[in-house]
Protein backbone atom coordinates (compact mmCIF):
# COMPACT_ATOMS: atom_id res chain seq x y z
CA MET A 1 -21.58 -3.55 21.77
CA LYS A 2 -19.14 -0.62 22.09
CA LEU A 3 -16.42 -3.02 23.20
CA LEU A 4 -17.05 -5.28 20.20
CA LEU A 5 -16.93 -2.32 17.81
CA LYS A 6 -13.73 -1.12 19.39
CA TYR A 7 -12.07 -4.54 19.07
CA LYS A 8 -13.68 -5.53 15.76
CA SER A 9 -10.25 -6.00 14.16
CA GLN A 10 -9.68 -8.93 16.53
CA ILE A 11 -12.96 -10.69 15.70
CA VAL A 12 -11.40 -12.93 13.08
CA SER A 13 -14.62 -14.91 12.68
CA LEU A 14 -16.16 -11.93 10.90
CA GLY A 15 -14.46 -13.55 7.91
CA LEU A 16 -17.12 -16.26 8.19
CA LEU A 17 -19.93 -13.86 7.32
CA PRO A 18 -19.78 -14.44 3.52
CA THR A 19 -19.86 -18.19 4.18
CA ILE A 20 -22.81 -17.92 6.55
CA VAL A 21 -24.71 -15.71 4.12
CA THR A 22 -23.99 -18.13 1.27
CA LEU A 23 -25.10 -21.20 3.24
CA THR A 24 -28.30 -19.39 4.24
CA GLY A 25 -29.01 -18.00 0.77
CA LEU A 26 -28.71 -21.43 -0.86
CA HIS A 27 -32.14 -22.22 0.62
CA PHE A 28 -33.84 -19.29 -1.09
CA LEU A 29 -31.98 -18.45 -4.33
CA PRO A 30 -30.71 -20.49 -7.29
CA HIS A 31 -27.50 -22.18 -6.24
CA THR A 32 -25.27 -20.76 -8.99
CA THR A 33 -26.54 -17.23 -8.35
CA MET A 34 -26.06 -17.49 -4.60
CA LEU A 35 -22.58 -18.98 -4.96
CA GLY A 36 -21.65 -16.11 -7.26
CA ILE A 37 -22.89 -13.58 -4.72
CA GLY A 38 -21.00 -15.29 -1.91
CA LEU A 39 -17.82 -15.49 -3.97
CA THR A 40 -18.03 -11.81 -4.85
CA ALA A 41 -18.49 -10.83 -1.20
CA SER A 42 -15.57 -13.02 -0.14
CA LEU A 43 -13.29 -11.60 -2.83
CA ILE A 44 -14.14 -8.02 -1.84
CA GLY A 45 -13.34 -8.76 1.80
CA LEU A 46 -10.16 -10.60 0.86
CA CYS A 47 -8.91 -7.78 -1.37
CA TYR A 48 -9.65 -5.20 1.32
CA ASP A 49 -7.66 -7.23 3.85
CA ILE A 50 -4.69 -7.78 1.56
CA PHE A 51 -4.32 -4.39 -0.13
CA ARG A 52 -5.63 -2.06 2.59
CA LEU A 53 -4.81 -3.79 5.88
CA LYS A 54 -1.84 -5.84 4.62
CA SER A 55 -3.24 -8.86 6.44
CA LEU A 56 -5.04 -12.07 5.63
CA ASN A 57 -8.10 -13.43 7.41
CA PHE A 58 -7.98 -17.22 7.28
CA PHE A 59 -11.77 -17.58 7.22
CA LEU A 60 -12.06 -15.20 4.29
CA LEU A 61 -9.44 -17.22 2.42
CA GLN A 62 -11.18 -20.45 3.34
CA GLY A 63 -14.58 -19.18 2.22
CA THR A 64 -13.25 -17.70 -1.01
CA ILE A 65 -11.61 -20.96 -2.10
CA GLY A 66 -14.50 -23.18 -0.96
CA ILE A 67 -17.28 -21.08 -2.44
CA GLY A 68 -15.24 -20.36 -5.57
CA THR A 69 -14.63 -24.07 -6.19
CA CYS A 70 -18.34 -24.90 -5.86
CA PHE A 71 -19.28 -21.94 -8.07
CA LEU A 72 -16.91 -22.96 -10.87
CA LEU A 73 -17.97 -26.61 -10.73
CA ARG A 74 -21.65 -25.72 -10.87
CA LEU A 75 -21.11 -23.07 -13.56
CA MET A 76 -18.94 -25.19 -15.84
CA THR A 77 -20.24 -28.73 -15.27
CA GLY A 78 -23.80 -28.24 -14.04
CA TYR A 79 -24.81 -31.21 -11.89
CA GLU A 80 -22.08 -33.57 -13.07
CA TYR A 81 -19.87 -33.25 -9.99
CA ILE A 82 -22.34 -31.68 -7.58
CA PRO A 83 -25.68 -33.54 -7.73
CA PRO A 84 -28.97 -31.81 -6.86
CA ARG A 85 -29.52 -31.13 -3.14
CA SER A 86 -25.87 -31.84 -2.32
CA ILE A 87 -24.39 -28.35 -2.73
CA THR A 88 -24.43 -27.57 1.02
CA PRO A 89 -22.64 -30.79 2.13
CA THR A 90 -20.13 -30.33 -0.70
CA LEU A 91 -19.33 -26.76 0.37
CA GLU A 92 -19.14 -27.82 4.01
CA PHE A 93 -16.71 -30.62 3.08
CA LEU A 94 -14.40 -28.22 1.23
CA LEU A 95 -14.43 -25.79 4.15
CA LEU A 96 -13.70 -28.69 6.50
CA ILE A 97 -10.60 -29.64 4.47
CA PHE A 98 -9.11 -26.15 4.77
CA ALA A 99 -9.89 -25.95 8.50
CA PHE A 100 -8.31 -29.37 9.03
CA VAL A 101 -5.11 -28.32 7.22
CA TYR A 102 -4.94 -25.15 9.31
CA VAL A 103 -5.32 -27.10 12.57
CA THR A 104 -2.90 -29.91 11.73
CA ALA A 105 -0.26 -27.94 9.81
CA PRO A 106 -0.46 -24.23 10.73
CA GLU A 107 3.11 -23.71 9.50
CA ILE A 108 1.84 -23.98 5.92
CA TYR A 109 -0.43 -20.99 6.46
CA GLN A 110 2.30 -19.06 8.26
CA SER A 111 4.83 -19.67 5.49
CA PHE A 112 2.25 -18.49 2.96
CA LEU A 113 1.83 -15.25 4.92
CA LYS A 114 5.58 -14.68 5.18
CA ARG A 115 6.06 -15.24 1.46
CA PHE A 116 3.57 -12.50 0.62
CA ARG A 117 4.52 -10.31 3.62
CA LEU A 118 1.05 -10.34 5.14
CA ASN A 119 0.12 -10.04 8.80
CA ALA A 120 -1.98 -12.43 10.86
CA ASN A 121 -1.41 -11.49 14.48
CA ILE A 122 -4.55 -13.18 15.76
CA SER A 123 -4.99 -16.94 15.86
CA CYS A 124 -8.07 -18.69 14.46
CA MET A 125 -7.11 -22.03 16.02
CA LEU A 126 -10.03 -22.37 18.46
CA GLU A 127 -12.69 -21.60 15.87
CA ALA A 128 -10.97 -23.84 13.30
CA LYS A 129 -10.99 -26.73 15.77
CA VAL A 130 -14.70 -26.21 16.39
CA ILE A 131 -15.32 -26.39 12.64
CA VAL A 132 -13.23 -29.56 12.26
CA ILE A 133 -14.96 -31.38 15.11
CA LEU A 134 -18.58 -30.36 14.45
CA SER A 135 -18.42 -30.54 10.65
CA SER A 136 -16.76 -33.95 10.80
CA LEU A 137 -19.49 -35.28 13.09
CA HIS A 138 -22.18 -33.70 10.93
CA LEU A 139 -20.89 -35.09 7.63
CA LEU A 140 -20.26 -38.51 9.18
CA GLY A 141 -23.84 -38.56 10.48
CA LEU A 142 -25.20 -37.66 7.04
CA PHE A 143 -23.16 -40.45 5.46
CA LEU A 144 -24.31 -43.09 7.97
CA PHE A 145 -27.99 -42.19 7.89
CA GLN A 146 -28.37 -41.14 4.25
CA ASN A 147 -30.35 -44.29 3.35
CA ARG A 148 -32.75 -43.93 6.27
CA LEU A 149 -33.92 -40.43 5.41
CA ASP A 150 -36.26 -39.44 2.62
CA THR A 151 -34.23 -36.78 0.84
CA TYR A 152 -37.30 -35.04 -0.54
CA ASP A 153 -39.99 -35.18 2.14
CA ASN A 154 -38.28 -35.74 5.46
CA ARG A 155 -38.04 -32.51 7.45
CA LEU A 156 -35.29 -33.95 9.64
CA HIS A 157 -33.14 -34.52 6.55
CA PHE A 158 -33.76 -30.96 5.39
CA PHE A 159 -32.77 -29.65 8.82
CA LEU A 160 -29.61 -31.78 9.00
CA VAL A 161 -28.46 -30.93 5.49
CA PHE A 162 -29.24 -27.23 5.27
CA TYR A 163 -29.40 -25.78 8.77
CA ILE A 164 -26.65 -27.54 10.72
CA PRO A 165 -23.71 -26.10 8.65
CA THR A 166 -25.03 -22.58 9.07
CA MET A 167 -25.42 -23.15 12.82
CA ILE A 168 -21.83 -24.46 13.08
CA TYR A 169 -20.32 -21.35 11.49
CA THR A 170 -22.61 -19.04 13.41
CA LEU A 171 -21.48 -20.76 16.61
CA CYS A 172 -17.84 -20.03 15.71
CA LEU A 173 -18.69 -16.36 15.22
CA ILE A 174 -20.47 -16.25 18.59
CA ILE A 175 -17.54 -17.97 20.35
CA ASN A 176 -15.07 -15.47 18.90
CA MET A 177 -17.21 -12.46 19.79
CA ALA A 178 -17.82 -13.76 23.32
CA GLY A 179 -14.10 -14.32 23.85
CA ILE A 180 -13.21 -10.83 22.64
CA HIS A 181 -15.96 -9.30 24.78
CA LEU A 182 -14.70 -11.14 27.86
CA ALA A 183 -11.08 -10.15 27.24
CA ALA A 184 -11.98 -6.54 26.49
CA SER A 185 -14.19 -6.17 29.55
CA GLN A 186 -11.35 -7.39 31.78
CA GLU A 187 -8.76 -5.18 30.09
CA SER A 188 -8.39 -1.57 31.06
CA LEU A 189 -9.97 0.64 28.43
CA CYS A 190 -7.42 3.35 29.02
CA SER A 191 -3.63 3.31 29.16
CA ILE A 192 -0.82 5.84 29.28
CA ILE A 193 1.81 6.01 26.57
CA ARG A 194 5.12 7.61 27.54
CA ILE A 195 7.75 8.20 24.86
CA ALA A 196 11.25 9.12 26.03
CA PRO A 197 13.62 10.73 23.47
CA VAL A 198 17.23 9.63 24.04
CA CYS A 199 20.50 10.52 22.36
CA ASN A 200 24.11 9.61 23.10
CA GLY A 201 23.17 7.97 26.42
CA LYS A 202 21.17 11.02 27.57
CA ILE A 203 17.44 11.62 27.93
CA TYR A 204 15.51 14.66 26.72
CA LEU A 205 13.14 16.19 29.31
CA ILE A 206 10.94 19.26 29.52
CA PRO A 207 9.78 21.24 32.56
CA TYR A 208 6.23 20.85 33.90
CA LYS A 209 4.63 23.10 36.49
CA LYS A 210 4.07 21.45 39.86
CA ASP A 211 0.52 21.06 41.10
CA ASP A 212 1.13 23.60 43.87
CA SER A 213 2.68 26.03 41.30
CA SER A 214 5.93 26.17 43.30
CA GLY A 215 8.55 25.75 40.62
CA HIS A 216 8.67 23.04 38.01
CA ILE A 217 9.51 19.38 37.64
CA TRP A 218 11.23 17.61 34.75
CA ASP A 219 9.64 14.74 32.86
CA ILE A 220 9.62 13.22 29.37
CA PRO A 221 7.87 15.39 26.74
CA LEU A 222 5.57 12.83 25.14
CA VAL A 223 2.85 11.58 27.48
CA PHE A 224 -0.56 10.57 26.14
CA ILE A 225 -3.80 9.03 27.33
CA PHE A 226 -4.48 6.15 24.94
CA GLU A 227 -8.02 4.77 24.63
CA LYS A 228 -7.63 2.42 21.68
CA PRO A 229 -6.73 -1.30 21.54
CA LEU A 230 -3.24 -1.91 22.86
CA HIS A 231 -2.02 -3.51 19.63
CA LYS A 232 -2.40 -0.10 17.96
CA SER A 233 -0.11 1.67 20.43
CA LYS A 234 3.05 1.17 18.37
CA SER A 235 1.69 2.97 15.31
CA PHE A 236 0.31 5.72 17.57
CA ALA A 237 3.71 6.17 19.23
CA THR A 238 5.43 6.36 15.83
CA THR A 239 3.00 9.04 14.64
CA GLN A 240 3.47 11.15 17.77
CA ALA A 241 7.26 10.79 17.63
CA ARG A 242 7.31 12.02 14.02
CA LYS A 243 5.16 14.98 14.96
CA PHE A 244 7.39 15.83 17.94
CA LEU A 245 10.61 15.61 15.93
CA ARG A 246 9.15 17.68 13.09
CA GLU A 247 8.17 20.47 15.51
CA ILE A 248 11.38 20.49 17.52
CA SER A 249 13.97 19.96 14.79
CA GLY A 250 12.66 22.23 12.07
CA ASN A 251 11.71 19.34 9.74
CA ASP A 252 15.13 17.69 10.08
CA MET A 253 13.64 14.18 9.99
CA SER A 254 16.39 11.97 8.63
CA PRO A 255 17.26 9.47 9.81
CA PHE A 256 14.08 8.61 11.73
CA ILE A 257 14.09 5.65 14.13
CA SER A 258 10.67 4.48 15.29
CA PRO A 259 10.02 4.33 19.04
CA ARG A 260 10.58 0.95 20.72
CA LEU A 261 8.39 -0.42 23.50
CA ILE A 262 10.67 -1.30 26.43
CA LEU A 263 8.34 -1.64 29.42
CA LYS A 264 4.74 -2.20 30.48
CA TYR A 265 3.83 -1.61 34.10
CA LYS A 266 1.29 -0.26 36.56
CA ILE A 267 1.82 1.10 40.07
CA GLU A 268 -1.50 1.59 41.86
CA LYS A 269 -0.70 4.75 43.84
CA LEU A 270 1.44 6.32 41.11
CA THR A 271 -0.10 5.45 37.74
CA PRO A 272 -3.91 5.29 37.58
CA HIS A 273 -3.74 3.36 34.29
CA PRO A 274 -1.35 0.82 32.78
CA VAL A 275 1.74 2.48 31.30
CA GLN A 276 3.48 1.62 28.05
CA LEU A 277 6.98 3.08 28.00
CA PHE A 278 8.66 3.69 24.64
CA ILE A 279 12.20 4.82 23.95
CA PHE A 280 12.70 7.17 20.99
CA PRO A 281 16.31 7.21 19.73
CA ILE A 282 17.54 10.47 18.13
CA ASP A 283 20.85 10.53 16.28
CA ARG A 284 21.96 14.09 17.17
CA GLU A 285 21.26 16.33 20.16
CA GLU A 286 21.18 19.36 17.83
CA LYS A 287 17.83 18.21 16.49
CA CYS A 288 16.18 19.25 19.75
CA ARG A 289 17.41 22.84 19.59
CA ASN A 290 13.98 24.50 19.35
CA GLY A 291 12.34 22.95 22.40
CA SER A 292 11.94 24.19 25.95
CA GLY A 293 13.71 21.16 27.37
CA ARG A 294 17.24 19.82 27.37
CA PHE A 295 19.18 16.60 27.58
CA PHE A 296 20.08 15.14 30.98
CA THR A 297 22.55 12.44 31.90
CA PHE A 298 21.18 9.68 34.10
CA SER A 299 23.68 10.59 36.81
CA GLU A 300 21.95 13.99 37.06
CA LEU A 301 18.67 12.18 37.73
CA GLU A 302 20.29 10.37 40.65
CA LYS A 303 21.90 13.48 42.16
CA SER A 304 18.82 15.72 42.05
CA SER A 305 15.94 13.26 42.21
CA GLY A 306 13.63 15.87 43.74
CA ASP A 307 13.66 17.83 40.49
CA PHE A 308 12.23 14.96 38.45
CA SER A 309 8.84 13.26 38.35
CA ARG A 310 8.30 10.17 40.45
CA THR A 311 7.17 8.24 37.40
CA LEU A 312 10.39 9.04 35.57
CA LEU A 313 12.47 7.89 38.54
CA VAL A 314 10.62 4.56 38.52
CA GLU A 315 11.46 4.16 34.83
CA LYS A 316 15.05 5.45 35.13
CA GLU A 317 16.82 2.10 35.31
CA HIS A 318 15.06 0.68 32.26
CA LEU A 319 15.56 3.89 30.30
CA GLN A 320 19.25 4.04 31.19
CA ILE A 321 19.88 0.48 30.00
CA SER A 322 18.03 1.09 26.73
CA ALA A 323 19.68 4.48 26.16
CA ASN A 324 23.15 2.98 26.64
CA LEU A 325 22.35 0.17 24.22
CA TRP A 326 21.26 2.69 21.59
CA LYS A 327 24.36 4.76 22.25
CA GLU A 328 26.56 1.75 21.49
CA PHE A 329 24.46 0.87 18.46
CA THR A 330 24.53 4.41 17.04
CA TYR A 331 28.07 5.49 17.82
CA LYS A 332 29.96 2.23 17.55
C-alpha cells in the first residue's frame, strides 16, 4: 500500500473512479441525480488536473464527456433518446467510442495536449485496449441476445446490463495498480542525486573530510539521498540548485539555468544506490565567491586524482564533455 501511495501519480486509472461510482450508483439512485453527481466529481478531478497539475488524465476526460452527454440528454429530453433501463449500455457505448479513438488515433489526443500545453507522461494504452475489447464484446452480446432475455424479470439480464460495465472498469483499475506495484517493487526506493556546478569549462568542488580524518577530499557540493519517484528528480534538482546559488552568490540569481540530467548509473562497490548525475551551468565564476570550494579544471582532476572522490573520477569524462558543451554554448 505504501508503494501505491508513493506512486499514486502514475496510477492513471484512478481517473476511472468517477465512472465506476456513477455506474454503481445508477442501480440505487435516480439516473439524472446520479449522472449529475458523477459529472460533478469528474469535473472537479479534471479541473484539479488541468489547473493544479498542468496535466490531463485521459480517463477523467473520457468520463466527463461520456457522463456529461448522458446527463444532458436525460435532463433535456427525458427518455426520448435514452429509453428506460438503457442508461448503462448508452454510457458504456460512449466511453467505448472515446477509448477506441484513443487506441486507434493517439496522435489526436497528443495534439490536443500540445495545443493546451498540458502534460501526459504516462500512457493509458493498455487499459484503453482492455476497455475496447471487453466493452465491445459485452455490447455485442447484449445486442445479439436482447430478444432472448426478459428485460424486467431475468436476473441474468440485470447482471449483464448493470454489473459487467462496472466490472470492466474496475478490472482496468486493478491492472494499472498491479502494474505500478510490480514496477515499484522492482525499482530501488532510494537513489542518489549529484548536481555538479560548472562554469567556463571548469567544475566547482568543495572539500569533504576523509573517513579517517586525515586531510580532505574534493567532490561536488550538491549530493542528496532521494526517496521519491524518479520522475520527480528534475524538479527536486532545480529546487536544490536555486537554493545553492542563492546561498553562495548572495542572491545573484540571474540568469538561472536549470540543472540537466546527463547520466544515470550504478556501480555496486562504489555507489550503494542508483545515481542520477546533473550538470548545473553557471554563467560567471564570481557567483561562487562566498563558498568554501573553488573551480577546478578537468586537467587538475587528472594530475592529482588522489585528491578527488572516486565517484567524481568515474563521472569525470561525462562531466567534462557536458561542461565543454556549455562553455561553447555560453561563451560563443
